[in-house]
Amino acid sequence: MTPGRKPQGDTAMNGAERQARYRARLAGRAIQPQPPPPAAPRRAPGRQKRWDAGVTMLRAVQAECAGWLEAMPEALRDTPTAEALQAVIDLDLDEIATIKLPQGYGRD
């Protein structure tokens, strides 16, 4: 058995004495106010911004697939994985990126 902390006085404190000392220590600390959390945006981004972000993400994935296919050994070029990568690379994302969504409510 390992010995615990040595008592500060002649005998060990009981639970009530430890609790009183803990509360006194907490009362002595200065409580600093927490800064308010940042305000949440009132509105979600518009459809066009979300569309553009989606197209950007698709282009990033397409570039990753191109790198993956280039790094693939020649022996694996006829596998279903290589065919799927080539299908992703062949997608024409430029046409999708040119689409401008309607603003709605008579603002088009």
N, C-alpha and C. Protein backbone atom coordinates (compact mmCIF):
# COMPACT_ATOMS: atom_id res chain seq x y z
N MET A 1 0.84 -1.17 0.00
CA MET A 1 0.00 0.00 0.00
C MET A 1 0.89 1.24 0.00
N THR A 2 0.57 2.19 -0.86
CA THR A 2 1.37 3.42 -0.94
C THR A 2 0.78 4.45 0.00
N PRO A 3 1.65 5.16 0.67
CA PRO A 3 1.14 6.18 1.60
C PRO A 3 0.58 7.37 0.84
N GLY A 4 -0.46 7.99 1.35
CA GLY A 4 -1.07 9.18 0.75
C GLY A 4 -0.34 10.43 1.23
N ARG A 5 -1.00 11.57 1.08
CA ARG A 5 -0.41 12.82 1.54
C ARG A 5 -0.30 12.82 3.05
N LYS A 6 0.68 13.49 3.52
CA LYS A 6 0.86 13.63 4.97
C LYS A 6 -0.14 14.65 5.49
N PRO A 7 -0.72 14.41 6.64
CA PRO A 7 -1.64 15.39 7.22
C PRO A 7 -0.91 16.70 7.52
N GLN A 8 -1.64 17.83 7.36
CA GLN A 8 -1.04 19.12 7.65
C GLN A 8 -0.97 19.36 9.15
N GLY A 9 -1.88 18.82 9.85
CA GLY A 9 -1.89 18.99 11.31
C GLY A 9 -1.42 17.72 11.98
N ASP A 10 -1.84 17.57 13.23
CA ASP A 10 -1.46 16.38 13.98
C ASP A 10 -2.22 15.15 13.49
N THR A 11 -3.46 15.35 13.05
CA THR A 11 -4.27 14.23 12.58
C THR A 11 -4.85 14.57 11.21
N ALA A 12 -5.33 13.55 10.53
CA ALA A 12 -5.94 13.75 9.22
C ALA A 12 -7.29 14.44 9.38
N MET A 13 -7.66 15.25 8.36
CA MET A 13 -8.94 15.94 8.42
C MET A 13 -10.06 14.97 8.07
N ASN A 14 -11.23 15.25 8.60
CA ASN A 14 -12.39 14.46 8.20
C ASN A 14 -13.01 15.11 6.96
N GLY A 15 -14.07 14.49 6.41
CA GLY A 15 -14.69 14.97 5.19
C GLY A 15 -15.22 16.39 5.29
N ALA A 16 -15.85 16.74 6.42
CA ALA A 16 -16.42 18.08 6.58
C ALA A 16 -15.33 19.13 6.60
N GLU A 17 -14.22 18.84 7.23
CA GLU A 17 -13.11 19.80 7.27
C GLU A 17 -12.50 19.99 5.88
N ARG A 18 -12.36 18.89 5.13
CA ARG A 18 -11.83 19.01 3.77
C ARG A 18 -12.78 19.84 2.89
N GLN A 19 -14.09 19.60 3.04
CA GLN A 19 -15.07 20.35 2.27
C GLN A 19 -15.04 21.84 2.61
N ALA A 20 -14.90 22.16 3.88
CA ALA A 20 -14.85 23.56 4.31
C ALA A 20 -13.60 24.24 3.74
N ARG A 21 -12.48 23.54 3.74
CA ARG A 21 -11.26 24.11 3.20
C ARG A 21 -11.40 24.32 1.68
N TYR A 22 -12.02 23.37 0.99
CA TYR A 22 -12.22 23.48 -0.45
C TYR A 22 -13.11 24.67 -0.77
N ARG A 23 -14.21 24.85 -0.04
CA ARG A 23 -15.12 25.97 -0.29
C ARG A 23 -14.45 27.30 0.00
N ALA A 24 -13.62 27.36 1.03
CA ALA A 24 -12.90 28.60 1.33
C ALA A 24 -11.92 28.93 0.21
N ARG A 25 -11.28 27.91 -0.34
CA ARG A 25 -10.35 28.13 -1.43
C ARG A 25 -11.09 28.63 -2.68
N LEU A 26 -12.27 28.06 -2.98
CA LEU A 26 -13.06 28.53 -4.12
C LEU A 26 -13.55 29.95 -3.92
N ALA A 27 -13.96 30.32 -2.71
CA ALA A 27 -14.46 31.66 -2.44
C ALA A 27 -13.35 32.70 -2.61
N GLY A 28 -12.12 32.31 -2.38
CA GLY A 28 -11.00 33.25 -2.50
C GLY A 28 -10.59 33.53 -3.93
N ARG A 29 -11.00 32.70 -4.85
CA ARG A 29 -10.63 32.91 -6.25
C ARG A 29 -11.50 33.99 -6.87
N ALA A 30 -10.89 34.82 -7.69
CA ALA A 30 -11.65 35.84 -8.41
C ALA A 30 -12.28 35.18 -9.63
N ILE A 31 -13.57 35.33 -9.78
CA ILE A 31 -14.26 34.74 -10.91
C ILE A 31 -14.25 35.74 -12.06
N GLN A 32 -13.66 35.33 -13.18
CA GLN A 32 -13.58 36.19 -14.34
C GLN A 32 -14.75 35.90 -15.26
N PRO A 33 -15.43 36.93 -15.74
CA PRO A 33 -16.56 36.67 -16.63
C PRO A 33 -16.09 36.08 -17.95
N GLN A 34 -16.86 35.15 -18.46
CA GLN A 34 -16.55 34.54 -19.75
C GLN A 34 -17.02 35.45 -20.87
N PRO A 35 -16.24 35.54 -21.95
CA PRO A 35 -16.71 36.35 -23.08
C PRO A 35 -17.92 35.66 -23.71
N PRO A 36 -18.81 36.45 -24.27
CA PRO A 36 -19.99 35.84 -24.90
C PRO A 36 -19.58 35.02 -26.13
N PRO A 37 -20.31 33.97 -26.43
CA PRO A 37 -19.96 33.18 -27.62
C PRO A 37 -20.19 34.00 -28.88
N PRO A 38 -19.47 33.68 -29.93
CA PRO A 38 -19.65 34.45 -31.17
C PRO A 38 -21.08 34.29 -31.68
N ALA A 39 -21.58 35.35 -32.25
CA ALA A 39 -22.95 35.33 -32.75
C ALA A 39 -23.05 34.40 -33.95
N ALA A 40 -24.08 33.61 -33.95
CA ALA A 40 -24.31 32.70 -35.06
C ALA A 40 -24.84 33.49 -36.25
N PRO A 41 -24.47 33.10 -37.44
CA PRO A 41 -25.00 33.81 -38.60
C PRO A 41 -26.51 33.67 -38.65
N ARG A 42 -27.16 34.72 -39.04
CA ARG A 42 -28.63 34.71 -39.07
C ARG A 42 -29.17 33.87 -40.20
N ARG A 43 -28.48 33.86 -41.30
CA ARG A 43 -28.99 33.15 -42.47
C ARG A 43 -27.92 32.21 -43.01
N ALA A 44 -28.39 31.13 -43.56
CA ALA A 44 -27.48 30.20 -44.23
C ALA A 44 -27.02 30.84 -45.54
N PRO A 45 -25.88 30.43 -46.06
CA PRO A 45 -25.44 30.95 -47.35
C PRO A 45 -26.48 30.65 -48.42
N GLY A 46 -26.55 31.49 -49.40
CA GLY A 46 -27.52 31.33 -50.47
C GLY A 46 -27.26 30.09 -51.32
N ARG A 47 -28.26 29.74 -52.13
CA ARG A 47 -28.15 28.56 -52.98
C ARG A 47 -26.95 28.65 -53.91
N GLN A 48 -26.74 29.83 -54.51
CA GLN A 48 -25.65 29.96 -55.48
C GLN A 48 -24.29 29.76 -54.80
N LYS A 49 -24.12 30.31 -53.60
CA LYS A 49 -22.85 30.12 -52.89
C LYS A 49 -22.64 28.66 -52.53
N ARG A 50 -23.70 27.98 -52.10
CA ARG A 50 -23.58 26.56 -51.78
C ARG A 50 -23.30 25.75 -53.05
N TRP A 51 -23.94 26.13 -54.17
CA TRP A 51 -23.70 25.46 -55.44
C TRP A 51 -22.23 25.62 -55.85
N ASP A 52 -21.72 26.85 -55.77
CA ASP A 52 -20.33 27.10 -56.14
C ASP A 52 -19.37 26.34 -55.24
N ALA A 53 -19.67 26.29 -53.94
CA ALA A 53 -18.82 25.54 -53.01
C ALA A 53 -18.84 24.05 -53.34
N GLY A 54 -20.01 23.55 -53.73
CA GLY A 54 -20.11 22.14 -54.11
C GLY A 54 -19.31 21.83 -55.35
N VAL A 55 -19.36 22.71 -56.34
CA VAL A 55 -18.59 22.52 -57.57
C VAL A 55 -17.10 22.56 -57.26
N THR A 56 -16.70 23.46 -56.38
CA THR A 56 -15.29 23.54 -55.99
C THR A 56 -14.85 22.25 -55.32
N MET A 57 -15.70 21.70 -54.47
CA MET A 57 -15.37 20.45 -53.80
C MET A 57 -15.29 19.31 -54.81
N LEU A 58 -16.21 19.29 -55.79
CA LEU A 58 -16.16 18.25 -56.81
C LEU A 58 -14.87 18.33 -57.63
N ARG A 59 -14.45 19.56 -57.93
CA ARG A 59 -13.19 19.71 -58.68
C ARG A 59 -11.99 19.21 -57.87
N ALA A 60 -12.02 19.43 -56.56
CA ALA A 60 -10.93 18.95 -55.71
C ALA A 60 -10.90 17.42 -55.69
N VAL A 61 -12.07 16.80 -55.59
CA VAL A 61 -12.14 15.34 -55.61
C VAL A 61 -11.71 14.81 -56.96
N GLN A 62 -12.10 15.49 -58.03
CA GLN A 62 -11.71 15.07 -59.38
C GLN A 62 -10.18 15.11 -59.52
N ALA A 63 -9.55 16.15 -58.97
CA ALA A 63 -8.09 16.24 -59.03
C ALA A 63 -7.43 15.12 -58.22
N GLU A 64 -8.01 14.79 -57.07
CA GLU A 64 -7.48 13.68 -56.27
C GLU A 64 -7.59 12.37 -57.04
N CYS A 65 -8.72 12.16 -57.71
CA CYS A 65 -8.90 10.94 -58.49
C CYS A 65 -7.90 10.87 -59.63
N ALA A 66 -7.62 12.00 -60.26
CA ALA A 66 -6.63 12.02 -61.34
C ALA A 66 -5.25 11.64 -60.82
N GLY A 67 -4.89 12.16 -59.66
CA GLY A 67 -3.60 11.80 -59.07
C GLY A 67 -3.54 10.34 -58.69
N TRP A 68 -4.64 9.82 -58.17
CA TRP A 68 -4.72 8.41 -57.80
C TRP A 68 -4.55 7.52 -59.04
N LEU A 69 -5.24 7.89 -60.13
CA LEU A 69 -5.16 7.09 -61.35
C LEU A 69 -3.75 7.14 -61.94
N GLU A 70 -3.12 8.31 -61.89
CA GLU A 70 -1.75 8.42 -62.42
C GLU A 70 -0.77 7.59 -61.62
N ALA A 71 -1.00 7.48 -60.31
CA ALA A 71 -0.08 6.73 -59.46
C ALA A 71 -0.35 5.23 -59.49
N MET A 72 -1.45 4.82 -60.10
CA MET A 72 -1.84 3.41 -60.12
C MET A 72 -0.91 2.64 -61.05
N PRO A 73 -0.46 1.47 -60.63
CA PRO A 73 0.39 0.66 -61.51
C PRO A 73 -0.34 0.25 -62.78
N GLU A 74 0.42 0.03 -63.83
CA GLU A 74 -0.15 -0.31 -65.13
C GLU A 74 -0.97 -1.60 -65.07
N ALA A 75 -0.59 -2.51 -64.22
CA ALA A 75 -1.29 -3.78 -64.12
C ALA A 75 -2.71 -3.62 -63.57
N LEU A 76 -2.98 -2.52 -62.89
CA LEU A 76 -4.29 -2.30 -62.29
C LEU A 76 -5.16 -1.36 -63.10
N ARG A 77 -4.74 -0.99 -64.31
CA ARG A 77 -5.48 -0.02 -65.12
C ARG A 77 -6.81 -0.57 -65.67
N ASP A 78 -6.96 -1.88 -65.69
CA ASP A 78 -8.19 -2.48 -66.22
C ASP A 78 -9.14 -2.93 -65.12
N THR A 79 -8.94 -2.48 -63.90
CA THR A 79 -9.79 -2.88 -62.78
C THR A 79 -11.00 -1.96 -62.68
N PRO A 80 -12.03 -2.40 -61.97
CA PRO A 80 -13.20 -1.53 -61.77
C PRO A 80 -12.85 -0.22 -61.05
N THR A 81 -11.86 -0.25 -60.18
CA THR A 81 -11.45 0.97 -59.49
C THR A 81 -10.91 1.99 -60.50
N ALA A 82 -10.06 1.54 -61.40
CA ALA A 82 -9.50 2.44 -62.41
C ALA A 82 -10.60 2.98 -63.33
N GLU A 83 -11.56 2.13 -63.66
CA GLU A 83 -12.66 2.58 -64.50
C GLU A 83 -13.50 3.64 -63.80
N ALA A 84 -13.76 3.45 -62.51
CA ALA A 84 -14.52 4.44 -61.74
C ALA A 84 -13.76 5.76 -61.65
N LEU A 85 -12.44 5.67 -61.42
CA LEU A 85 -11.63 6.90 -61.37
C LEU A 85 -11.67 7.63 -62.70
N GLN A 86 -11.58 6.88 -63.79
CA GLN A 86 -11.61 7.50 -65.12
C GLN A 86 -12.97 8.14 -65.38
N ALA A 87 -14.05 7.52 -64.90
CA ALA A 87 -15.38 8.11 -65.07
C ALA A 87 -15.50 9.43 -64.33
N VAL A 88 -14.91 9.51 -63.14
CA VAL A 88 -14.94 10.76 -62.37
C VAL A 88 -14.11 11.83 -63.08
N ILE A 89 -12.97 11.43 -63.63
CA ILE A 89 -12.10 12.38 -64.33
C ILE A 89 -12.77 12.90 -65.59
N ASP A 90 -13.56 12.06 -66.26
CA ASP A 90 -14.20 12.45 -67.52
C ASP A 90 -15.41 13.36 -67.34
N LEU A 91 -15.88 13.55 -66.12
CA LEU A 91 -17.03 14.43 -65.90
C LEU A 91 -16.67 15.86 -66.29
N ASP A 92 -17.58 16.53 -66.98
CA ASP A 92 -17.37 17.92 -67.41
C ASP A 92 -17.92 18.85 -66.33
N LEU A 93 -17.09 19.26 -65.41
CA LEU A 93 -17.53 20.13 -64.33
C LEU A 93 -17.58 21.59 -64.75
N ASP A 94 -16.97 21.93 -65.87
CA ASP A 94 -17.03 23.32 -66.34
C ASP A 94 -18.46 23.69 -66.72
N GLU A 95 -19.17 22.76 -67.33
CA GLU A 95 -20.56 23.03 -67.71
C GLU A 95 -21.42 23.21 -66.46
N ILE A 96 -21.17 22.40 -65.45
CA ILE A 96 -21.94 22.51 -64.20
C ILE A 96 -21.63 23.84 -63.51
N ALA A 97 -20.37 24.26 -63.58
CA ALA A 97 -19.97 25.49 -62.88
C ALA A 97 -20.59 26.73 -63.50
N THR A 98 -20.96 26.67 -64.78
CA THR A 98 -21.52 27.86 -65.43
C THR A 98 -23.00 28.07 -65.09
N ILE A 99 -23.62 27.10 -64.45
CA ILE A 99 -25.05 27.22 -64.13
C ILE A 99 -25.24 28.29 -63.06
N LYS A 100 -26.16 29.20 -63.33
CA LYS A 100 -26.53 30.21 -62.35
C LYS A 100 -27.95 29.93 -61.90
N LEU A 101 -28.11 29.65 -60.62
CA LEU A 101 -29.41 29.29 -60.08
C LEU A 101 -30.32 30.51 -59.98
N PRO A 102 -31.62 30.32 -60.09
CA PRO A 102 -32.54 31.45 -59.95
C PRO A 102 -32.54 31.95 -58.51
N GLN A 103 -32.69 33.26 -58.35
CA GLN A 103 -32.70 33.83 -57.02
C GLN A 103 -34.04 33.67 -56.34
N GLY A 104 -35.09 33.59 -57.12
CA GLY A 104 -36.42 33.35 -56.56
C GLY A 104 -37.12 34.62 -56.14
N TYR A 105 -38.39 34.50 -55.86
CA TYR A 105 -39.23 35.61 -55.38
C TYR A 105 -39.18 36.83 -56.31
N GLY A 106 -39.17 36.60 -57.62
CA GLY A 106 -39.21 37.69 -58.58
C GLY A 106 -37.90 38.43 -58.75
N ARG A 107 -36.79 37.94 -58.20
CA ARG A 107 -35.50 38.63 -58.32
C ARG A 107 -34.65 38.09 -59.45
N ASP A 108 -35.20 37.15 -60.23
CA ASP A 108 -34.36 36.58 -61.29
C ASP A 108 -34.22 37.58 -62.36
